[in-house]
Amino acid sequence: MSPQRALRRRSLRSAAVLAGAAAIAMTTAACSSTSGTSGAGNTNFVGGTGEINVVKAADRKPAPDISGKTLTGAKDSLAAYKGKVVVVNIWGSWCAPCRAEAPNLVKVANADKDKGVQFLGINTRDLEVSNAKSFDKRFGIPYPSFFDPYGSLILRFPKGSLNPQTLPATLVIDRQGKVAVRALKPLSEDDLNSIIDPLVAEK
């Protein structure tokens, strides 16, 4: 490889890392807070509170390609679960609100798995996969999580869309692979059920 090509490759790699770091910095700043901006002025949200935004079926946009390696090293993708309601939770083992909501996610994931509901996680800013694995073991997480230490998967949600803006954040994808709900807060069992049940009931 020529020195110029090697330099170009290093520059591109550095740019990707910096972009990921910027996304993580954004979520880190919000981790200790349950408040968030809704962005409702630019979209067709229904009944948003500033923390949970629900989108009418006719106004939903396709979710981006989310794929990669999980905490166990297996390959997975959001597209593999098309036809199911998919709950995507973005979390970090270092994030106290993420730890607080984890038992609620586990309970609802186990209760709803026979209803055509799949939970997925996106673990971010855990530079050591062992920390994320310890989190999974501690809370008995029954579903896979992508290992996304630099936030590259988070950046696939385009700016101005229902992109995750805080940590934790949860996105719910309908059976057609479209983003139906964004929650910018730690979720209780009641929150999760109120979000998921109407999507399960959709035909």
N, C-alpha and C. Protein backbone atom coordinates (compact mmCIF):
# COMPACT_ATOMS: atom_id res chain seq x y z
N MET A 1 0.84 -1.19 0.00
CA MET A 1 0.00 0.00 0.00
C MET A 1 0.88 1.24 0.00
N SER A 2 0.55 2.24 -0.83
CA SER A 2 1.35 3.45 -0.92
C SER A 2 1.17 4.28 0.34
N PRO A 3 2.17 5.11 0.68
CA PRO A 3 2.04 5.98 1.86
C PRO A 3 0.82 6.89 1.79
N GLN A 4 0.47 7.36 0.57
CA GLN A 4 -0.69 8.24 0.45
C GLN A 4 -1.98 7.50 0.77
N ARG A 5 -2.11 6.25 0.28
CA ARG A 5 -3.31 5.47 0.57
C ARG A 5 -3.40 5.13 2.04
N ALA A 6 -2.28 4.81 2.64
CA ALA A 6 -2.28 4.49 4.07
C ALA A 6 -2.71 5.70 4.89
N LEU A 7 -2.21 6.89 4.52
CA LEU A 7 -2.57 8.12 5.23
C LEU A 7 -4.05 8.41 5.07
N ARG A 8 -4.58 8.20 3.82
CA ARG A 8 -6.00 8.44 3.58
C ARG A 8 -6.86 7.49 4.42
N ARG A 9 -6.44 6.23 4.51
CA ARG A 9 -7.20 5.25 5.29
C ARG A 9 -7.21 5.62 6.77
N ARG A 10 -6.06 6.07 7.29
CA ARG A 10 -6.00 6.48 8.69
C ARG A 10 -6.88 7.69 8.94
N SER A 11 -6.93 8.61 7.99
CA SER A 11 -7.75 9.81 8.13
C SER A 11 -9.23 9.46 8.17
N LEU A 12 -9.66 8.53 7.30
CA LEU A 12 -11.05 8.11 7.29
C LEU A 12 -11.42 7.41 8.59
N ARG A 13 -10.52 6.57 9.09
CA ARG A 13 -10.77 5.87 10.34
C ARG A 13 -10.90 6.87 11.49
N SER A 14 -10.04 7.88 11.51
CA SER A 14 -10.09 8.89 12.57
C SER A 14 -11.38 9.68 12.51
N ALA A 15 -11.82 9.99 11.29
CA ALA A 15 -13.07 10.75 11.14
C ALA A 15 -14.25 9.94 11.67
N ALA A 16 -14.27 8.64 11.40
CA ALA A 16 -15.37 7.79 11.88
C ALA A 16 -15.37 7.73 13.39
N VAL A 17 -14.20 7.60 13.99
CA VAL A 17 -14.12 7.55 15.45
C VAL A 17 -14.59 8.86 16.06
N LEU A 18 -14.19 10.01 15.46
CA LEU A 18 -14.61 11.30 15.98
C LEU A 18 -16.12 11.49 15.87
N ALA A 19 -16.69 11.03 14.75
CA ALA A 19 -18.14 11.15 14.59
C ALA A 19 -18.87 10.32 15.64
N GLY A 20 -18.36 9.11 15.88
CA GLY A 20 -18.96 8.26 16.90
C GLY A 20 -18.83 8.88 18.27
N ALA A 21 -17.67 9.46 18.55
CA ALA A 21 -17.45 10.09 19.84
C ALA A 21 -18.40 11.26 20.05
N ALA A 22 -18.68 12.01 18.97
CA ALA A 22 -19.61 13.13 19.08
C ALA A 22 -21.01 12.65 19.42
N ALA A 23 -21.43 11.54 18.80
CA ALA A 23 -22.76 10.99 19.09
C ALA A 23 -22.84 10.52 20.52
N ILE A 24 -21.77 9.89 20.99
CA ILE A 24 -21.75 9.39 22.36
C ILE A 24 -21.74 10.54 23.35
N ALA A 25 -21.00 11.59 23.04
CA ALA A 25 -20.97 12.75 23.93
C ALA A 25 -22.37 13.33 24.09
N MET A 26 -23.14 13.34 23.00
CA MET A 26 -24.50 13.85 23.04
C MET A 26 -25.35 13.01 23.98
N THR A 27 -25.24 11.68 23.88
CA THR A 27 -26.06 10.83 24.73
C THR A 27 -25.58 10.84 26.16
N THR A 28 -24.27 10.95 26.36
CA THR A 28 -23.73 10.98 27.71
C THR A 28 -24.24 12.18 28.47
N ALA A 29 -24.31 13.32 27.80
CA ALA A 29 -24.77 14.54 28.45
C ALA A 29 -26.18 14.40 28.98
N ALA A 30 -26.97 13.54 28.35
CA ALA A 30 -28.37 13.39 28.74
C ALA A 30 -28.60 12.19 29.65
N CYS A 31 -27.58 11.41 29.92
CA CYS A 31 -27.79 10.14 30.61
C CYS A 31 -28.40 10.30 31.98
N SER A 32 -28.03 11.35 32.69
CA SER A 32 -28.51 11.51 34.05
C SER A 32 -29.86 12.19 34.13
N SER A 33 -30.44 12.51 32.98
CA SER A 33 -31.72 13.22 32.95
C SER A 33 -32.76 12.41 32.22
N THR A 34 -34.02 12.51 32.65
CA THR A 34 -35.09 11.83 31.95
C THR A 34 -35.83 12.77 31.02
N SER A 35 -35.40 13.99 30.92
CA SER A 35 -36.07 14.92 30.02
C SER A 35 -35.40 14.89 28.68
N GLY A 36 -36.11 15.35 27.65
CA GLY A 36 -35.54 15.41 26.31
C GLY A 36 -36.43 16.23 25.42
N THR A 37 -35.89 16.71 24.33
CA THR A 37 -36.70 17.47 23.39
C THR A 37 -37.43 16.52 22.48
N SER A 38 -38.65 16.84 22.15
CA SER A 38 -39.46 15.93 21.36
C SER A 38 -39.24 16.11 19.87
N GLY A 39 -38.90 17.30 19.42
CA GLY A 39 -38.79 17.55 17.99
C GLY A 39 -40.14 17.49 17.31
N ALA A 40 -41.22 17.62 18.07
CA ALA A 40 -42.55 17.40 17.51
C ALA A 40 -42.95 18.44 16.49
N GLY A 41 -42.27 19.59 16.47
CA GLY A 41 -42.66 20.63 15.54
C GLY A 41 -42.38 20.28 14.10
N ASN A 42 -41.50 19.31 13.84
CA ASN A 42 -41.10 18.99 12.48
C ASN A 42 -41.64 17.66 11.98
N THR A 43 -42.46 16.98 12.79
CA THR A 43 -42.92 15.64 12.41
C THR A 43 -44.38 15.47 12.77
N ASN A 44 -44.96 14.36 12.33
CA ASN A 44 -46.38 14.09 12.57
C ASN A 44 -46.55 13.17 13.77
N PHE A 45 -46.15 13.65 14.93
CA PHE A 45 -46.27 12.86 16.14
C PHE A 45 -47.68 12.97 16.71
N VAL A 46 -48.07 11.92 17.44
CA VAL A 46 -49.37 11.92 18.11
C VAL A 46 -49.13 11.85 19.62
N GLY A 47 -49.67 12.78 20.36
CA GLY A 47 -49.67 12.70 21.81
C GLY A 47 -48.31 12.66 22.45
N GLY A 48 -47.29 13.26 21.84
CA GLY A 48 -45.97 13.26 22.44
C GLY A 48 -45.92 14.11 23.69
N THR A 49 -45.17 13.69 24.70
CA THR A 49 -45.04 14.43 25.95
C THR A 49 -43.70 15.13 26.04
N GLY A 50 -42.86 15.01 25.02
CA GLY A 50 -41.49 15.46 25.12
C GLY A 50 -40.56 14.34 25.50
N GLU A 51 -41.10 13.21 25.93
CA GLU A 51 -40.30 12.06 26.33
C GLU A 51 -40.63 10.82 25.50
N ILE A 52 -41.90 10.67 25.14
CA ILE A 52 -42.33 9.54 24.31
C ILE A 52 -43.10 10.10 23.12
N ASN A 53 -42.67 9.74 21.92
CA ASN A 53 -43.33 10.20 20.69
C ASN A 53 -43.87 9.01 19.94
N VAL A 54 -45.15 9.08 19.57
CA VAL A 54 -45.82 8.02 18.82
C VAL A 54 -46.18 8.55 17.45
N VAL A 55 -45.92 7.76 16.41
CA VAL A 55 -46.15 8.20 15.04
C VAL A 55 -47.32 7.44 14.43
N LYS A 56 -48.20 8.17 13.75
CA LYS A 56 -49.30 7.53 13.02
C LYS A 56 -48.73 6.55 12.00
N ALA A 57 -49.46 5.48 11.74
CA ALA A 57 -48.98 4.45 10.81
C ALA A 57 -48.65 5.03 9.44
N ALA A 58 -49.48 5.95 8.97
CA ALA A 58 -49.28 6.51 7.62
C ALA A 58 -48.04 7.40 7.53
N ASP A 59 -47.55 7.87 8.67
CA ASP A 59 -46.43 8.82 8.67
C ASP A 59 -45.10 8.20 9.06
N ARG A 60 -45.07 6.91 9.30
CA ARG A 60 -43.83 6.26 9.76
C ARG A 60 -42.81 6.12 8.63
N LYS A 61 -41.55 6.20 9.01
CA LYS A 61 -40.45 6.06 8.07
C LYS A 61 -39.70 4.76 8.35
N PRO A 62 -39.13 4.15 7.32
CA PRO A 62 -38.38 2.90 7.53
C PRO A 62 -37.19 3.11 8.47
N ALA A 63 -36.96 2.13 9.30
CA ALA A 63 -35.79 2.15 10.17
C ALA A 63 -34.54 1.92 9.31
N PRO A 64 -33.41 2.49 9.70
CA PRO A 64 -32.18 2.26 8.94
C PRO A 64 -31.67 0.83 9.14
N ASP A 65 -30.69 0.49 8.34
CA ASP A 65 -30.06 -0.82 8.48
C ASP A 65 -29.25 -0.85 9.77
N ILE A 66 -29.68 -1.68 10.69
CA ILE A 66 -28.94 -1.87 11.94
C ILE A 66 -28.46 -3.32 11.95
N SER A 67 -27.17 -3.49 11.81
CA SER A 67 -26.62 -4.84 11.75
C SER A 67 -25.19 -4.81 12.25
N GLY A 68 -24.72 -5.96 12.68
CA GLY A 68 -23.36 -6.04 13.18
C GLY A 68 -23.20 -7.18 14.16
N LYS A 69 -22.15 -7.11 14.95
CA LYS A 69 -21.88 -8.17 15.92
C LYS A 69 -22.52 -7.86 17.27
N THR A 70 -23.02 -8.91 17.89
CA THR A 70 -23.61 -8.78 19.21
C THR A 70 -22.52 -8.92 20.27
N LEU A 71 -22.91 -8.83 21.53
CA LEU A 71 -21.96 -8.96 22.63
C LEU A 71 -21.28 -10.32 22.63
N THR A 72 -21.92 -11.32 22.07
CA THR A 72 -21.33 -12.66 22.04
C THR A 72 -20.48 -12.89 20.80
N GLY A 73 -20.45 -11.90 19.90
CA GLY A 73 -19.68 -12.04 18.67
C GLY A 73 -20.48 -12.58 17.51
N ALA A 74 -21.76 -12.91 17.74
CA ALA A 74 -22.62 -13.40 16.66
C ALA A 74 -23.07 -12.23 15.79
N LYS A 75 -23.41 -12.54 14.53
CA LYS A 75 -23.93 -11.51 13.63
C LYS A 75 -25.45 -11.47 13.75
N ASP A 76 -25.99 -10.26 13.73
CA ASP A 76 -27.44 -10.09 13.82
C ASP A 76 -27.82 -8.83 13.06
N SER A 77 -29.13 -8.68 12.83
CA SER A 77 -29.60 -7.48 12.13
C SER A 77 -31.04 -7.21 12.51
N LEU A 78 -31.42 -5.96 12.45
CA LEU A 78 -32.81 -5.58 12.68
C LEU A 78 -33.70 -6.18 11.61
N ALA A 79 -33.22 -6.23 10.37
CA ALA A 79 -34.02 -6.74 9.26
C ALA A 79 -34.42 -8.20 9.45
N ALA A 80 -33.63 -8.94 10.23
CA ALA A 80 -33.94 -10.35 10.46
C ALA A 80 -35.25 -10.54 11.20
N TYR A 81 -35.74 -9.48 11.85
CA TYR A 81 -36.96 -9.59 12.66
C TYR A 81 -38.15 -8.90 12.02
N LYS A 82 -38.05 -8.58 10.73
CA LYS A 82 -39.19 -7.95 10.05
C LYS A 82 -40.39 -8.88 10.14
N GLY A 83 -41.55 -8.31 10.40
CA GLY A 83 -42.75 -9.11 10.64
C GLY A 83 -43.08 -9.18 12.11
N LYS A 84 -42.12 -8.76 12.94
CA LYS A 84 -42.34 -8.68 14.38
C LYS A 84 -42.31 -7.22 14.81
N VAL A 85 -42.88 -6.94 15.96
CA VAL A 85 -42.68 -5.65 16.62
C VAL A 85 -41.34 -5.74 17.33
N VAL A 86 -40.44 -4.80 17.04
CA VAL A 86 -39.09 -4.86 17.58
C VAL A 86 -38.85 -3.66 18.49
N VAL A 87 -38.46 -3.94 19.71
CA VAL A 87 -38.14 -2.90 20.69
C VAL A 87 -36.62 -2.78 20.76
N VAL A 88 -36.10 -1.64 20.34
CA VAL A 88 -34.65 -1.42 20.30
C VAL A 88 -34.27 -0.47 21.43
N ASN A 89 -33.53 -0.98 22.39
CA ASN A 89 -33.11 -0.18 23.54
C ASN A 89 -31.64 0.16 23.44
N ILE A 90 -31.31 1.46 23.53
CA ILE A 90 -29.92 1.91 23.48
C ILE A 90 -29.46 2.15 24.91
N TRP A 91 -28.35 1.52 25.30
CA TRP A 91 -27.95 1.52 26.70
C TRP A 91 -26.44 1.44 26.85
N GLY A 92 -25.98 1.72 28.06
CA GLY A 92 -24.59 1.52 28.44
C GLY A 92 -24.54 1.01 29.86
N SER A 93 -23.60 0.15 30.15
CA SER A 93 -23.52 -0.41 31.50
C SER A 93 -23.16 0.64 32.54
N TRP A 94 -22.56 1.75 32.11
CA TRP A 94 -22.12 2.84 32.96
C TRP A 94 -23.23 3.84 33.27
N CYS A 95 -24.39 3.66 32.64
CA CYS A 95 -25.48 4.64 32.70
C CYS A 95 -26.50 4.22 33.76
N ALA A 96 -26.62 5.02 34.84
CA ALA A 96 -27.51 4.67 35.95
C ALA A 96 -28.97 4.51 35.53
N PRO A 97 -29.54 5.42 34.70
CA PRO A 97 -30.93 5.21 34.27
C PRO A 97 -31.11 3.92 33.45
N CYS A 98 -30.05 3.53 32.72
CA CYS A 98 -30.13 2.27 31.97
C CYS A 98 -30.24 1.09 32.93
N ARG A 99 -29.49 1.14 34.00
CA ARG A 99 -29.57 0.07 35.00
C ARG A 99 -30.94 0.07 35.67
N ALA A 100 -31.51 1.26 35.89
CA ALA A 100 -32.81 1.35 36.55
C ALA A 100 -33.92 0.73 35.72
N GLU A 101 -33.87 0.90 34.38
CA GLU A 101 -34.96 0.38 33.55
C GLU A 101 -34.76 -1.07 33.13
N ALA A 102 -33.56 -1.60 33.29
CA ALA A 102 -33.26 -2.95 32.79
C ALA A 102 -34.23 -4.01 33.30
N PRO A 103 -34.57 -4.06 34.60
CA PRO A 103 -35.52 -5.09 35.04
C PRO A 103 -36.88 -4.99 34.35
N ASN A 104 -37.31 -3.78 34.03
CA ASN A 104 -38.60 -3.60 33.34
C ASN A 104 -38.54 -4.15 31.92
N LEU A 105 -37.43 -3.89 31.24
CA LEU A 105 -37.25 -4.42 29.89
C LEU A 105 -37.25 -5.94 29.90
N VAL A 106 -36.57 -6.52 30.88
CA VAL A 106 -36.49 -7.98 30.99
C VAL A 106 -37.88 -8.58 31.20
N LYS A 107 -38.65 -8.01 32.10
CA LYS A 107 -39.98 -8.54 32.40
C LYS A 107 -40.89 -8.51 31.17
N VAL A 108 -40.89 -7.38 30.48
CA VAL A 108 -41.79 -7.26 29.33
C VAL A 108 -41.28 -8.08 28.15
N ALA A 109 -39.97 -8.16 27.97
CA ALA A 109 -39.42 -8.99 26.90
C ALA A 109 -39.82 -10.45 27.09
N ASN A 110 -39.74 -10.93 28.31
CA ASN A 110 -40.13 -12.32 28.58
C ASN A 110 -41.63 -12.53 28.43
N ALA A 111 -42.41 -11.54 28.86
CA ALA A 111 -43.87 -11.67 28.80
C ALA A 111 -44.41 -11.60 27.38
N ASP A 112 -43.70 -10.84 26.52
CA ASP A 112 -44.23 -10.58 25.17
C ASP A 112 -43.60 -11.41 24.06
N LYS A 113 -42.67 -12.29 24.39
CA LYS A 113 -41.96 -13.00 23.33
C LYS A 113 -42.88 -13.90 22.50
N ASP A 114 -43.99 -14.36 23.10
CA ASP A 114 -44.92 -15.20 22.36
C ASP A 114 -45.99 -14.39 21.62
N LYS A 115 -45.88 -13.06 21.68
CA LYS A 115 -46.84 -12.19 20.99
C LYS A 115 -46.27 -11.63 19.69
N GLY A 116 -45.12 -12.13 19.28
CA GLY A 116 -44.50 -11.59 18.08
C GLY A 116 -43.71 -10.32 18.35
N VAL A 117 -43.17 -10.19 19.57
CA VAL A 117 -42.37 -9.03 19.96
C VAL A 117 -40.93 -9.46 20.20
N GLN A 118 -40.00 -8.76 19.59
CA GLN A 118 -38.57 -9.05 19.75
C GLN A 118 -37.89 -7.83 20.36
N PHE A 119 -37.11 -8.04 21.39
CA PHE A 119 -36.29 -6.97 21.95
C PHE A 119 -34.87 -7.10 21.42
N LEU A 120 -34.24 -5.94 21.17
CA LEU A 120 -32.84 -5.86 20.78
C LEU A 120 -32.21 -4.72 21.55
N GLY A 121 -30.93 -4.85 21.87
CA GLY A 121 -30.21 -3.77 22.51
C GLY A 121 -29.12 -3.24 21.59
N ILE A 122 -28.77 -1.98 21.80
CA ILE A 122 -27.56 -1.41 21.21
C ILE A 122 -26.72 -0.89 22.37
N ASN A 123 -25.66 -1.59 22.68
CA ASN A 123 -24.78 -1.18 23.77
C ASN A 123 -23.76 -0.18 23.24
N THR A 124 -23.64 0.96 23.90
CA THR A 124 -22.72 1.98 23.42
C THR A 124 -21.84 2.52 24.54
N ARG A 125 -20.65 2.95 24.14
CA ARG A 125 -19.62 3.57 24.98
C ARG A 125 -19.00 2.62 25.99
N ASP A 126 -19.37 1.37 25.96
CA ASP A 126 -18.63 0.36 26.73
C ASP A 126 -17.47 -0.09 25.86
N LEU A 127 -16.29 0.45 26.09
CA LEU A 127 -15.16 0.12 25.23
C LEU A 127 -14.69 -1.31 25.45
N GLU A 128 -14.99 -1.87 26.60
CA GLU A 128 -14.68 -3.27 26.89
C GLU A 128 -15.97 -4.07 26.86
N VAL A 129 -16.04 -5.06 26.00
CA VAL A 129 -17.26 -5.85 25.88
C VAL A 129 -17.57 -6.59 27.18
N SER A 130 -16.55 -6.83 27.98
CA SER A 130 -16.76 -7.54 29.25
C SER A 130 -17.70 -6.77 30.17
N ASN A 131 -17.64 -5.43 30.14
CA ASN A 131 -18.54 -4.63 30.99
C ASN A 131 -19.99 -4.82 30.56
N ALA A 132 -20.21 -4.84 29.25
CA ALA A 132 -21.57 -5.04 28.73
C ALA A 132 -22.07 -6.45 29.05
N LYS A 133 -21.19 -7.42 28.93
CA LYS A 133 -21.58 -8.80 29.25
C LYS A 133 -21.94 -8.94 30.72
N SER A 134 -21.20 -8.26 31.58
CA SER A 134 -21.49 -8.31 33.01
C SER A 134 -22.86 -7.71 33.31
N PHE A 135 -23.20 -6.64 32.59
CA PHE A 135 -24.52 -6.03 32.72
C PHE A 135 -25.60 -7.03 32.34
N ASP A 136 -25.43 -7.69 31.20
CA ASP A 136 -26.40 -8.69 30.74
C ASP A 136 -26.58 -9.80 31.77
N LYS A 137 -25.47 -10.26 32.32
CA LYS A 137 -25.54 -11.34 33.30
C LYS A 137 -26.22 -10.88 34.58
N ARG A 138 -25.88 -9.69 35.02
CA ARG A 138 -26.45 -9.15 36.27
C ARG A 138 -27.96 -9.05 36.20
N PHE A 139 -28.49 -8.58 35.07
CA PHE A 139 -29.93 -8.35 34.96
C PHE A 139 -30.66 -9.48 34.25
N GLY A 140 -29.94 -10.49 33.79
CA GLY A 140 -30.60 -11.61 33.11
C GLY A 140 -31.23 -11.20 31.81
N ILE A 141 -30.53 -10.37 31.02
CA ILE A 141 -31.08 -9.88 29.75
C ILE A 141 -31.28 -11.07 28.81
N PRO A 142 -32.51 -11.31 28.34
CA PRO A 142 -32.78 -12.50 27.52
C PRO A 142 -32.65 -12.28 26.02
N TYR A 143 -32.28 -11.08 25.59
CA TYR A 143 -32.25 -10.76 24.16
C TYR A 143 -30.86 -10.26 23.78
N PRO A 144 -30.52 -10.30 22.49
CA PRO A 144 -29.18 -9.88 22.06
C PRO A 144 -29.03 -8.37 22.03
N SER A 145 -27.79 -7.93 22.20
CA SER A 145 -27.46 -6.51 22.05
C SER A 145 -26.28 -6.39 21.10
N PHE A 146 -26.36 -5.41 20.21
CA PHE A 146 -25.22 -5.09 19.36
C PHE A 146 -24.15 -4.40 20.20
N PHE A 147 -22.90 -4.70 19.92
CA PHE A 147 -21.78 -4.04 20.58
C PHE A 147 -21.37 -2.86 19.70
N ASP A 148 -21.64 -1.65 20.18
CA ASP A 148 -21.47 -0.43 19.37
C ASP A 148 -20.71 0.62 20.19
N PRO A 149 -19.45 0.35 20.53
CA PRO A 149 -18.74 1.22 21.48
C PRO A 149 -18.58 2.65 21.01
N TYR A 150 -18.51 2.89 19.71
CA TYR A 150 -18.27 4.24 19.20
C TYR A 150 -19.51 4.90 18.61
N GLY A 151 -20.68 4.28 18.77
CA GLY A 151 -21.92 4.90 18.34
C GLY A 151 -22.18 4.89 16.86
N SER A 152 -21.52 4.01 16.11
CA SER A 152 -21.72 4.01 14.65
C SER A 152 -23.13 3.58 14.26
N LEU A 153 -23.73 2.66 15.00
CA LEU A 153 -25.10 2.24 14.69
C LEU A 153 -26.10 3.36 15.01
N ILE A 154 -25.84 4.08 16.09
CA ILE A 154 -26.71 5.20 16.46
C ILE A 154 -26.72 6.25 15.36
N LEU A 155 -25.57 6.47 14.74
CA LEU A 155 -25.45 7.49 13.69
C LEU A 155 -26.20 7.10 12.42
N ARG A 156 -26.64 5.85 12.31
CA ARG A 156 -27.40 5.45 11.12
C ARG A 156 -28.82 6.00 11.13
N PHE A 157 -29.29 6.46 12.29
CA PHE A 157 -30.58 7.15 12.35
C PHE A 157 -30.33 8.60 11.95
N PRO A 158 -30.83 9.04 10.79
CA PRO A 158 -30.47 10.36 10.27
C PRO A 158 -30.95 11.49 11.17
N LYS A 159 -30.19 12.57 11.17
CA LYS A 159 -30.56 13.77 11.90
C LYS A 159 -31.90 14.27 11.41
N GLY A 160 -32.78 14.65 12.35
CA GLY A 160 -34.10 15.13 11.98
C GLY A 160 -35.15 14.03 11.96
N SER A 161 -34.70 12.77 12.09
CA SER A 161 -35.64 11.65 12.16
C SER A 161 -35.89 11.34 13.63
N LEU A 162 -36.58 10.23 13.88
CA LEU A 162 -36.75 9.78 15.25
C LEU A 162 -35.45 9.12 15.72
N ASN A 163 -34.40 9.89 15.77
CA ASN A 163 -33.11 9.35 16.18
C ASN A 163 -32.97 9.41 17.70
N PRO A 164 -32.24 8.46 18.28
CA PRO A 164 -32.03 8.50 19.73
C PRO A 164 -31.19 9.70 20.10
N GLN A 165 -31.63 10.46 21.11
CA GLN A 165 -30.93 11.68 21.49
C GLN A 165 -30.47 11.66 22.94
N THR A 166 -30.86 10.66 23.68
CA THR A 166 -30.46 10.55 25.09
C THR A 166 -30.09 9.11 25.38
N LEU A 167 -29.61 8.88 26.55
CA LEU A 167 -29.38 7.52 27.02
C LEU A 167 -29.98 7.39 28.41
N PRO A 168 -30.85 6.39 28.61
CA PRO A 168 -31.28 5.42 27.62
C PRO A 168 -32.28 6.03 26.63
N ALA A 169 -32.41 5.35 25.51
CA ALA A 169 -33.44 5.68 24.53
C ALA A 169 -34.00 4.36 24.00
N THR A 170 -35.27 4.38 23.65
CA THR A 170 -35.90 3.17 23.12
C THR A 170 -36.69 3.53 21.87
N LEU A 171 -36.48 2.75 20.82
CA LEU A 171 -37.23 2.90 19.58
C LEU A 171 -38.04 1.62 19.36
N VAL A 172 -39.27 1.77 18.93
CA VAL A 172 -40.09 0.60 18.64
C VAL A 172 -40.41 0.59 17.15
N ILE A 173 -40.10 -0.53 16.53
CA ILE A 173 -40.25 -0.71 15.08
C ILE A 173 -41.48 -1.58 14.83
N ASP A 174 -42.33 -1.15 13.91
CA ASP A 174 -43.54 -1.93 13.64
C ASP A 174 -43.23 -3.14 12.75
N ARG A 175 -44.25 -3.91 12.44
CA ARG A 175 -44.05 -5.15 11.68
C ARG A 175 -43.56 -4.91 10.25
N GLN A 176 -43.76 -3.70 9.76
CA GLN A 176 -43.30 -3.36 8.41
C GLN A 176 -41.88 -2.79 8.42
N GLY A 177 -41.25 -2.78 9.57
CA GLY A 177 -39.88 -2.27 9.65
C GLY A 177 -39.79 -0.77 9.73
N LYS A 178 -40.86 -0.11 10.19
CA LYS A 178 -40.88 1.34 10.29
C LYS A 178 -40.87 1.79 11.74
N VAL A 179 -40.24 2.94 11.99
CA VAL A 179 -40.13 3.46 13.36
C VAL A 179 -41.47 4.03 13.79
N ALA A 180 -42.05 3.44 14.83
CA ALA A 180 -43.37 3.84 15.29
C ALA A 180 -43.34 4.67 16.57
N VAL A 181 -42.33 4.44 17.40
CA VAL A 181 -42.26 5.11 18.71
C VAL A 181 -40.81 5.43 19.03
N ARG A 182 -40.60 6.59 19.66
CA ARG A 182 -39.31 6.91 20.26
C ARG A 182 -39.55 7.35 21.69
N ALA A 183 -38.82 6.76 22.61
CA ALA A 183 -38.90 7.15 24.02
C ALA A 183 -37.53 7.64 24.47
N LEU A 184 -37.51 8.85 25.01
CA LEU A 184 -36.26 9.45 25.47
C LEU A 184 -36.27 9.52 26.99
N LYS A 185 -36.48 8.38 27.62
CA LYS A 185 -36.54 8.31 29.08
C LYS A 185 -36.41 6.85 29.50
N PRO A 186 -36.04 6.58 30.75
CA PRO A 186 -36.12 5.20 31.25
C PRO A 186 -37.58 4.78 31.29
N LEU A 187 -37.86 3.56 30.87
CA LEU A 187 -39.24 3.11 30.73
C LEU A 187 -39.65 2.17 31.85
N SER A 188 -40.86 2.39 32.36
CA SER A 188 -41.45 1.47 33.32
C SER A 188 -42.16 0.34 32.56
N GLU A 189 -42.62 -0.67 33.30
CA GLU A 189 -43.40 -1.73 32.66
C GLU A 189 -44.66 -1.15 32.01
N ASP A 190 -45.32 -0.24 32.71
CA ASP A 190 -46.54 0.36 32.16
C ASP A 190 -46.24 1.15 30.88
N ASP A 191 -45.13 1.88 30.88
CA ASP A 191 -44.73 2.60 29.67
C ASP A 191 -44.58 1.63 28.51
N LEU A 192 -43.84 0.56 28.74
CA LEU A 192 -43.56 -0.41 27.69
C LEU A 192 -44.85 -1.04 27.17
N ASN A 193 -45.72 -1.44 28.08
CA ASN A 193 -46.97 -2.07 27.65
C ASN A 193 -47.84 -1.10 26.86
N SER A 194 -47.87 0.17 27.29
CA SER A 194 -48.71 1.14 26.58
C SER A 194 -48.17 1.45 25.19
N ILE A 195 -46.88 1.28 25.00
CA ILE A 195 -46.25 1.49 23.69
C ILE A 195 -46.42 0.28 22.79
N ILE A 196 -46.16 -0.90 23.36
CA ILE A 196 -46.09 -2.12 22.56
C ILE A 196 -47.47 -2.67 22.19
N ASP A 197 -48.39 -2.69 23.14
CA ASP A 197 -49.68 -3.36 22.92
C ASP A 197 -50.43 -2.84 21.69
N PRO A 198 -50.51 -1.52 21.47
CA PRO A 198 -51.22 -1.06 20.27
C PRO A 198 -50.55 -1.51 18.98
N LEU A 199 -49.21 -1.64 18.98
CA LEU A 199 -48.51 -2.10 17.77
C LEU A 199 -48.74 -3.59 17.54
N VAL A 200 -48.80 -4.35 18.61
CA VAL A 200 -49.12 -5.78 18.49
C VAL A 200 -50.51 -5.95 17.90
N ALA A 201 -51.42 -5.06 18.27
CA ALA A 201 -52.81 -5.17 17.81
C ALA A 201 -53.01 -4.73 16.38
N GLU A 202 -52.02 -4.01 15.81
CA GLU A 202 -52.15 -3.56 14.43
C GLU A 202 -52.16 -4.73 13.47
N LYS A 203 -52.94 -4.62 12.42
CA LYS A 203 -53.00 -5.69 11.40
C LYS A 203 -52.13 -5.33 10.22
